[in-house]
């Protein structure tokens, strides 16, 4: 899997791409991790998702990136990525659930993390199983070496992806 912090993926994915990269990890998982995204393919999917408005456009203030890479349509991102990678899987629905939610069969989870003193969110792939400590519920953290939210934070909510083989 790719790290969002991989400099070859560009400043917007590096800074705000945790949710995007977590979705791509779920696609690789659906393919039983036999197929992997190249940097070029990640970048192509990202650009196409922006054009299709599955991901928010990049916002610049002069030469400084100020916002971008927000997922607007999870199913679109997942399904486009699965098609491009050659994984026979489809996301048919996505919904937000509380941190206490236990995924059912055919459901994958992306955890929205927060931490005290941090206004934003960080997204990671979840295992779908309860853990003690809660950090064992993280399947993949897109920050190489692990994020501060994953070490010191808490689960704010979950995005549940209903996934089917096709």
C-alpha atoms as a PDB file:
ATOM      1  CA  UNK A   1       0.000   0.000   0.000  1.00  0.00           C
ATOM      2  CA  UNK A   2       1.022   3.584  -0.485  1.00  0.00           C
ATOM      3  CA  UNK A   3       1.700   6.062   2.288  1.00  0.00           C
ATOM      4  CA  UNK A   4      -0.006   9.428   1.945  1.00  0.00           C
ATOM      5  CA  UNK A   5       3.344  10.915   2.966  1.00  0.00           C
ATOM      6  CA  UNK A   6       5.028   9.556  -0.185  1.00  0.00           C
ATOM      7  CA  UNK A   7       6.342  12.806  -1.724  1.00  0.00           C
ATOM      8  CA  UNK A   8       5.783  11.498  -5.265  1.00  0.00           C
ATOM      9  CA  UNK A   9       2.013  11.635  -4.681  1.00  0.00           C
ATOM     10  CA  UNK A  10       1.994  15.429  -4.358  1.00  0.00           C
ATOM     11  CA  UNK A  11       1.368  18.010  -1.682  1.00  0.00           C
ATOM     12  CA  UNK A  12      -2.439  17.618  -1.474  1.00  0.00           C
ATOM     13  CA  UNK A  13      -2.353  13.850  -0.944  1.00  0.00           C
ATOM     14  CA  UNK A  14       0.630  14.317   1.396  1.00  0.00           C
ATOM     15  CA  UNK A  15      -1.317  16.759   3.577  1.00  0.00           C
ATOM     16  CA  UNK A  16      -4.995  15.741   3.253  1.00  0.00           C
ATOM     17  CA  UNK A  17      -5.012  12.329   1.539  1.00  0.00           C
ATOM     18  CA  UNK A  18      -5.534  10.020   4.516  1.00  0.00           C
ATOM     19  CA  UNK A  19      -9.148   9.213   3.643  1.00  0.00           C
ATOM     20  CA  UNK A  20      -8.313   8.727  -0.051  1.00  0.00           C
ATOM     21  CA  UNK A  21      -5.389   6.406   0.711  1.00  0.00           C
ATOM     22  CA  UNK A  22      -7.515   4.482   3.244  1.00  0.00           C
ATOM     23  CA  UNK A  23     -10.098   3.826   0.513  1.00  0.00           C
ATOM     24  CA  UNK A  24      -7.343   2.594  -1.804  1.00  0.00           C
ATOM     25  CA  UNK A  25      -6.165   0.223   0.933  1.00  0.00           C
ATOM     26  CA  UNK A  26      -9.681  -1.237   1.104  1.00  0.00           C
ATOM     27  CA  UNK A  27      -9.572  -1.819  -2.672  1.00  0.00           C
ATOM     28  CA  UNK A  28      -6.240  -3.638  -2.359  1.00  0.00           C
ATOM     29  CA  UNK A  29      -7.729  -5.689   0.491  1.00  0.00           C
ATOM     30  CA  UNK A  30     -10.701  -6.653  -1.710  1.00  0.00           C
ATOM     31  CA  UNK A  31      -8.134  -7.984  -4.175  1.00  0.00           C
ATOM     32  CA  UNK A  32      -6.573  -9.978  -1.311  1.00  0.00           C
ATOM     33  CA  UNK A  33      -3.525  -7.658  -1.491  1.00  0.00           C
ATOM     34  CA  UNK A  34      -2.329  -9.379  -4.687  1.00  0.00           C
ATOM     35  CA  UNK A  35      -2.460  -6.154  -6.721  1.00  0.00           C
ATOM     36  CA  UNK A  36      -0.922  -2.850  -5.661  1.00  0.00           C
ATOM     37  CA  UNK A  37      -1.273   0.739  -6.803  1.00  0.00           C
ATOM     38  CA  UNK A  38       1.725   2.381  -8.426  1.00  0.00           C
ATOM     39  CA  UNK A  39       2.443   6.041  -7.660  1.00  0.00           C
ATOM     40  CA  UNK A  40       1.370   6.896 -11.207  1.00  0.00           C
ATOM     41  CA  UNK A  41      -1.935   5.029 -10.869  1.00  0.00           C
ATOM     42  CA  UNK A  42      -2.689   6.690  -7.515  1.00  0.00           C
ATOM     43  CA  UNK A  43      -2.068  10.093  -9.084  1.00  0.00           C
ATOM     44  CA  UNK A  44      -4.206   9.260 -12.151  1.00  0.00           C
ATOM     45  CA  UNK A  45      -7.116   8.053  -9.976  1.00  0.00           C
ATOM     46  CA  UNK A  46      -6.814  11.161  -7.792  1.00  0.00           C
ATOM     47  CA  UNK A  47      -6.926  13.516 -10.802  1.00  0.00           C
ATOM     48  CA  UNK A  48      -9.862  11.641 -12.376  1.00  0.00           C
ATOM     49  CA  UNK A  49     -11.737  11.738  -9.047  1.00  0.00           C
ATOM     50  CA  UNK A  50     -11.298  15.514  -8.946  1.00  0.00           C
ATOM     51  CA  UNK A  51     -12.613  15.838 -12.523  1.00  0.00           C
ATOM     52  CA  UNK A  52     -15.629  13.653 -11.646  1.00  0.00           C
ATOM     53  CA  UNK A  53     -16.113  15.606  -8.392  1.00  0.00           C
ATOM     54  CA  UNK A  54     -15.618  12.514  -6.233  1.00  0.00           C
ATOM     55  CA  UNK A  55     -12.850  14.453  -4.463  1.00  0.00           C
ATOM     56  CA  UNK A  56     -12.781  18.202  -3.775  1.00  0.00           C
ATOM     57  CA  UNK A  57     -10.663  20.391  -6.017  1.00  0.00           C
ATOM     58  CA  UNK A  58      -7.248  21.631  -4.983  1.00  0.00           C
ATOM     59  CA  UNK A  59      -7.323  25.137  -3.483  1.00  0.00           C
ATOM     60  CA  UNK A  60      -4.226  27.297  -3.689  1.00  0.00           C
ATOM     61  CA  UNK A  61      -3.516  30.656  -2.137  1.00  0.00           C
ATOM     62  CA  UNK A  62      -0.718  31.939  -4.296  1.00  0.00           C
ATOM     63  CA  UNK A  63       1.872  29.152  -4.216  1.00  0.00           C
ATOM     64  CA  UNK A  64       0.546  27.652  -0.973  1.00  0.00           C
ATOM     65  CA  UNK A  65      -1.897  24.714  -0.855  1.00  0.00           C
ATOM     66  CA  UNK A  66      -4.728  25.586   1.544  1.00  0.00           C
ATOM     67  CA  UNK A  67      -7.371  22.876   1.075  1.00  0.00           C
ATOM     68  CA  UNK A  68      -8.224  19.808  -0.954  1.00  0.00           C
ATOM     69  CA  UNK A  69      -8.489  16.038  -1.213  1.00  0.00           C
ATOM     70  CA  UNK A  70     -11.798  15.850   0.709  1.00  0.00           C
ATOM     71  CA  UNK A  71     -13.822  12.783  -0.255  1.00  0.00           C
ATOM     72  CA  UNK A  72     -17.181  13.866  -1.670  1.00  0.00           C
ATOM     73  CA  UNK A  73     -18.355  10.527  -3.089  1.00  0.00           C
ATOM     74  CA  UNK A  74     -16.860   7.438  -1.451  1.00  0.00           C
ATOM     75  CA  UNK A  75     -18.510   4.932  -3.793  1.00  0.00           C
ATOM     76  CA  UNK A  76     -17.130   6.745  -6.835  1.00  0.00           C
ATOM     77  CA  UNK A  77     -13.578   6.744  -5.465  1.00  0.00           C
ATOM     78  CA  UNK A  78     -13.723   3.081  -4.422  1.00  0.00           C
ATOM     79  CA  UNK A  79     -15.337   1.863  -7.643  1.00  0.00           C
ATOM     80  CA  UNK A  80     -13.027   3.844  -9.939  1.00  0.00           C
ATOM     81  CA  UNK A  81      -9.965   2.607  -8.022  1.00  0.00           C
ATOM     82  CA  UNK A  82     -11.192  -1.011  -8.116  1.00  0.00           C
ATOM     83  CA  UNK A  83     -11.811  -0.784 -11.861  1.00  0.00           C
ATOM     84  CA  UNK A  84      -8.391   0.771 -12.551  1.00  0.00           C
ATOM     85  CA  UNK A  85      -6.583  -1.818 -10.408  1.00  0.00           C
ATOM     86  CA  UNK A  86      -8.567  -4.726 -11.861  1.00  0.00           C
ATOM     87  CA  UNK A  87     -10.211  -5.747  -8.587  1.00  0.00           C
ATOM     88  CA  UNK A  88     -13.636  -7.382  -8.981  1.00  0.00           C
ATOM     89  CA  UNK A  89     -15.308  -5.486  -6.156  1.00  0.00           C
ATOM     90  CA  UNK A  90     -17.891  -2.736  -5.908  1.00  0.00           C
ATOM     91  CA  UNK A  91     -18.920  -0.350  -3.156  1.00  0.00           C
ATOM     92  CA  UNK A  92     -22.704  -0.049  -3.186  1.00  0.00           C
ATOM     93  CA  UNK A  93     -23.252   2.245  -0.207  1.00  0.00           C
ATOM     94  CA  UNK A  94     -21.390   4.310   2.386  1.00  0.00           C
ATOM     95  CA  UNK A  95     -22.712   5.708   5.621  1.00  0.00           C
ATOM     96  CA  UNK A  96     -21.396   7.354   8.758  1.00  0.00           C
ATOM     97  CA  UNK A  97     -21.801   5.446  12.022  1.00  0.00           C
ATOM     98  CA  UNK A  98     -20.783   6.102  15.640  1.00  0.00           C
ATOM     99  CA  UNK A  99     -17.464   4.837  16.984  1.00  0.00           C
ATOM    100  CA  UNK A 100     -19.261   1.982  18.775  1.00  0.00           C
ATOM    101  CA  UNK A 101     -20.651   0.470  15.531  1.00  0.00           C
ATOM    102  CA  UNK A 102     -19.666  -3.140  14.712  1.00  0.00           C
ATOM    103  CA  UNK A 103     -19.444  -3.798  10.951  1.00  0.00           C
ATOM    104  CA  UNK A 104     -21.407  -6.665   9.466  1.00  0.00           C
ATOM    105  CA  UNK A 105     -20.475  -9.104   6.725  1.00  0.00           C
ATOM    106  CA  UNK A 106     -19.664  -7.274   3.465  1.00  0.00           C
ATOM    107  CA  UNK A 107     -18.884  -4.065   5.363  1.00  0.00           C
ATOM    108  CA  UNK A 108     -15.494  -2.397   5.583  1.00  0.00           C
ATOM    109  CA  UNK A 109     -14.735   0.482   7.903  1.00  0.00           C
ATOM    110  CA  UNK A 110     -12.677   3.608   7.749  1.00  0.00           C
ATOM    111  CA  UNK A 111     -12.116   5.154  11.163  1.00  0.00           C
ATOM    112  CA  UNK A 112     -12.284   8.904  11.668  1.00  0.00           C
ATOM    113  CA  UNK A 113      -9.808   9.756  14.411  1.00  0.00           C
ATOM    114  CA  UNK A 114      -9.480  12.873  16.513  1.00  0.00           C
ATOM    115  CA  UNK A 115      -7.351  13.982  19.411  1.00  0.00           C
ATOM    116  CA  UNK A 116      -7.508  16.623  22.083  1.00  0.00           C
ATOM    117  CA  UNK A 117      -6.181  19.972  20.876  1.00  0.00           C
ATOM    118  CA  UNK A 118      -6.617  19.066  17.180  1.00  0.00           C
ATOM    119  CA  UNK A 119      -9.607  20.494  15.298  1.00  0.00           C
ATOM    120  CA  UNK A 120      -9.368  18.232  12.249  1.00  0.00           C
ATOM    121  CA  UNK A 121      -9.700  14.526  11.625  1.00  0.00           C
ATOM    122  CA  UNK A 122      -7.390  11.784  10.473  1.00  0.00           C
ATOM    123  CA  UNK A 123      -8.703   8.720   8.640  1.00  0.00           C
ATOM    124  CA  UNK A 124      -7.323   5.185   8.841  1.00  0.00           C
ATOM    125  CA  UNK A 125      -8.514   1.764   7.676  1.00  0.00           C
ATOM    126  CA  UNK A 126     -10.193  -0.245  10.399  1.00  0.00           C
ATOM    127  CA  UNK A 127     -10.079  -3.982  11.049  1.00  0.00           C
ATOM    128  CA  UNK A 128     -13.810  -4.292  11.655  1.00  0.00           C
ATOM    129  CA  UNK A 129     -13.187  -5.807  15.078  1.00  0.00           C
ATOM    130  CA  UNK A 130     -13.229  -4.300  18.544  1.00  0.00           C
ATOM    131  CA  UNK A 131      -9.859  -4.055  20.209  1.00  0.00           C
ATOM    132  CA  UNK A 132      -8.322  -3.260  23.546  1.00  0.00           C
ATOM    133  CA  UNK A 133      -6.566  -0.929  23.350  1.00  0.00           C
ATOM    134  CA  UNK A 134      -8.604   0.701  20.595  1.00  0.00           C
ATOM    135  CA  UNK A 135      -5.464   1.199  18.466  1.00  0.00           C
ATOM    136  CA  UNK A 136      -5.581  -2.528  17.617  1.00  0.00           C
ATOM    137  CA  UNK A 137      -8.667  -1.667  15.530  1.00  0.00           C
ATOM    138  CA  UNK A 138      -6.404   0.077  13.000  1.00  0.00           C
ATOM    139  CA  UNK A 139      -5.661  -2.045   9.940  1.00  0.00           C
ATOM    140  CA  UNK A 140      -3.613   0.586   8.089  1.00  0.00           C
ATOM    141  CA  UNK A 141      -2.535   4.125   8.989  1.00  0.00           C
ATOM    142  CA  UNK A 142      -1.660   6.096   5.819  1.00  0.00           C
ATOM    143  CA  UNK A 143       0.986   8.114   7.689  1.00  0.00           C
ATOM    144  CA  UNK A 144       4.308   6.304   7.443  1.00  0.00           C
ATOM    145  CA  UNK A 145       5.456   5.529  10.967  1.00  0.00           C
ATOM    146  CA  UNK A 146       1.951   6.138  12.363  1.00  0.00           C
ATOM    147  CA  UNK A 147       0.018   9.307  13.071  1.00  0.00           C
ATOM    148  CA  UNK A 148      -0.238  11.248  16.309  1.00  0.00           C
ATOM    149  CA  UNK A 149      -4.024  10.732  16.219  1.00  0.00           C
ATOM    150  CA  UNK A 150      -3.506   6.967  16.096  1.00  0.00           C
ATOM    151  CA  UNK A 151      -1.129   7.080  19.054  1.00  0.00           C
ATOM    152  CA  UNK A 152      -2.821   9.672  21.269  1.00  0.00           C
ATOM    153  CA  UNK A 153      -6.332  10.154  19.951  1.00  0.00           C
ATOM    154  CA  UNK A 154      -9.681   8.429  19.822  1.00  0.00           C
ATOM    155  CA  UNK A 155     -12.211   7.152  17.286  1.00  0.00           C
ATOM    156  CA  UNK A 156     -14.714   9.923  16.477  1.00  0.00           C
ATOM    157  CA  UNK A 157     -16.847   7.975  13.993  1.00  0.00           C
ATOM    158  CA  UNK A 158     -16.719   5.334  11.282  1.00  0.00           C
ATOM    159  CA  UNK A 159     -17.418   5.381   7.560  1.00  0.00           C
ATOM    160  CA  UNK A 160     -18.958   2.041   6.666  1.00  0.00           C
ATOM    161  CA  UNK A 161     -18.471   0.857   3.100  1.00  0.00           C
ATOM    162  CA  UNK A 162     -20.833  -1.880   1.888  1.00  0.00           C
ATOM    163  CA  UNK A 163     -18.675  -3.874  -0.490  1.00  0.00           C
ATOM    164  CA  UNK A 164     -19.653  -6.708  -2.836  1.00  0.00           C
ATOM    165  CA  UNK A 165     -17.693  -8.922  -5.199  1.00  0.00           C
ATOM    166  CA  UNK A 166     -18.734  -8.511  -8.818  1.00  0.00           C
END
